[in-house]
Amino acid sequence: MKKIFFAYSDDTEDIGLYKELKQHFTAYARQGFLSIIDKDELFRISGDLEKTNEVLRNSDFAIPLLSIDYLNSNECLKLLDDARASNKPIIPILLRACEWEEVNELKNLQGN
């Protein structure tokens, strides 16, 4: 079973868009093909950011959901750096239009 870690900002619109996107993965999770890891839900349950980073390190893929709020969040960019440092496959998804091409943390992902 592949573990997919979704990272997104705390912006209300981003959370709503994530919930819509998550519906497309839920059937696969129910069939046991993958496990969906939601960083905000995990943090709310455990209250421990270190646990969130541990789960990220144990995931198979990291999917940052990009928006201007994601790019302005130090927490989100730190999770992206942690995923990159763990040599985790990173699959960014553009959630809302923003100038993501100008963000240094994402430039190194282009072409990978």
Protein backbone atom coordinates (compact mmCIF):
# COMPACT_ATOMS: atom_id res chain seq x y z
CA MET A 1 0.00 0.00 0.00
CA LYS A 2 1.42 3.40 -1.01
CA LYS A 3 1.24 6.22 1.53
CA ILE A 4 0.46 9.62 0.02
CA PHE A 5 1.15 12.71 2.12
CA PHE A 6 -0.90 15.79 1.18
CA ALA A 7 0.34 19.21 2.34
CA TYR A 8 -1.75 22.35 1.94
CA SER A 9 -2.23 25.71 3.59
CA ASP A 10 -4.70 26.50 6.36
CA ASP A 11 -6.61 28.84 4.03
CA THR A 12 -10.33 27.99 4.00
CA GLU A 13 -10.45 27.82 0.20
CA ASP A 14 -7.42 25.51 0.06
CA ILE A 15 -8.96 23.21 2.67
CA GLY A 16 -12.20 23.04 0.67
CA LEU A 17 -10.36 22.30 -2.57
CA TYR A 18 -8.29 19.63 -0.81
CA LYS A 19 -11.45 17.93 0.45
CA GLU A 20 -12.80 17.85 -3.12
CA LEU A 21 -9.52 16.40 -4.42
CA LYS A 22 -9.37 13.85 -1.62
CA GLN A 23 -12.71 12.39 -2.77
CA HIS A 24 -10.98 11.19 -5.96
CA PHE A 25 -8.48 9.16 -3.90
CA THR A 26 -10.91 7.81 -1.30
CA ALA A 27 -12.15 4.87 -3.41
CA TYR A 28 -8.55 3.72 -3.94
CA ALA A 29 -7.87 4.03 -0.21
CA ARG A 30 -10.98 2.01 0.60
CA GLN A 31 -9.76 -0.75 -1.73
CA GLY A 32 -6.38 -0.80 0.02
CA PHE A 33 -4.30 0.56 -2.88
CA LEU A 34 -3.13 3.63 -0.98
CA SER A 35 -3.25 5.40 2.32
CA ILE A 36 -4.09 9.10 2.47
CA ILE A 37 -2.14 11.13 5.00
CA ASP A 38 -3.52 14.56 5.82
CA LYS A 39 -0.99 16.73 7.67
CA ASP A 40 -3.56 19.00 9.30
CA GLU A 41 -5.76 16.17 10.53
CA LEU A 42 -2.72 14.36 11.93
CA PHE A 43 -1.54 17.50 13.71
CA ARG A 44 -5.01 18.10 15.19
CA ILE A 45 -5.14 14.54 16.52
CA SER A 46 -1.59 14.31 17.89
CA GLY A 47 -0.79 17.99 18.46
CA ASP A 48 2.82 17.11 17.65
CA LEU A 49 4.58 18.59 14.61
CA GLU A 50 7.46 16.12 15.05
CA LYS A 51 4.97 13.28 14.54
CA THR A 52 3.83 14.98 11.32
CA ASN A 53 7.42 15.11 10.08
CA GLU A 54 7.91 11.44 11.01
CA VAL A 55 4.82 10.45 9.03
CA LEU A 56 6.07 12.51 6.07
CA ARG A 57 9.40 10.67 6.18
CA ASN A 58 7.55 7.32 6.16
CA SER A 59 5.27 8.23 3.26
CA ASP A 60 5.91 7.10 -0.32
CA PHE A 61 4.94 10.38 -2.04
CA ALA A 62 4.51 14.01 -1.03
CA ILE A 63 1.88 16.06 -2.82
CA PRO A 64 2.06 19.78 -2.07
CA LEU A 65 -1.15 21.56 -3.08
CA LEU A 66 0.14 24.90 -4.33
CA SER A 67 -1.55 28.24 -3.79
CA ILE A 68 -0.35 31.69 -2.79
CA ASP A 69 -1.22 30.79 0.80
CA TYR A 70 0.85 27.58 0.57
CA LEU A 71 3.81 29.53 -0.78
CA ASN A 72 3.50 32.11 2.02
CA SER A 73 3.39 29.44 4.74
CA ASN A 74 6.70 28.70 6.43
CA GLU A 75 5.26 25.42 7.73
CA CYS A 76 4.31 24.27 4.22
CA LEU A 77 7.68 25.21 2.75
CA LYS A 78 9.45 23.42 5.62
CA LEU A 79 7.45 20.25 4.89
CA LEU A 80 8.42 20.59 1.23
CA ASP A 81 12.09 20.92 2.21
CA ASP A 82 11.77 17.90 4.51
CA ALA A 83 10.26 15.83 1.69
CA ARG A 84 13.05 16.86 -0.65
CA ALA A 85 15.72 16.11 1.98
CA SER A 86 14.21 12.63 2.41
CA ASN A 87 14.47 12.05 -1.36
CA LYS A 88 10.71 11.63 -1.41
CA PRO A 89 9.01 11.75 -4.82
CA ILE A 90 7.22 15.11 -4.86
CA ILE A 91 4.23 15.68 -7.12
CA PRO A 92 3.11 19.32 -6.84
CA ILE A 93 -0.47 20.14 -7.82
CA LEU A 94 -1.52 23.70 -8.62
CA LEU A 95 -4.56 24.23 -6.42
CA ARG A 96 -5.00 27.96 -7.08
CA ALA A 97 -3.21 30.20 -9.55
CA CYS A 98 0.04 31.66 -8.20
CA GLU A 99 3.59 32.43 -9.33
CA TRP A 100 4.97 29.07 -8.16
CA GLU A 101 7.68 29.10 -10.85
CA GLU A 102 9.50 31.87 -8.95
CA VAL A 103 9.72 29.97 -5.66
CA ASN A 104 13.22 28.59 -5.02
CA GLU A 105 11.94 25.53 -3.15
CA LEU A 106 10.03 24.46 -6.28
CA LYS A 107 12.60 25.34 -8.95
CA ASN A 108 14.67 22.26 -8.19
CA LEU A 109 11.61 20.04 -8.72
CA GLN A 110 11.15 21.10 -12.33
CA GLY A 111 12.32 18.41 -14.68
CA ASN A 112 12.24 15.66 -11.99
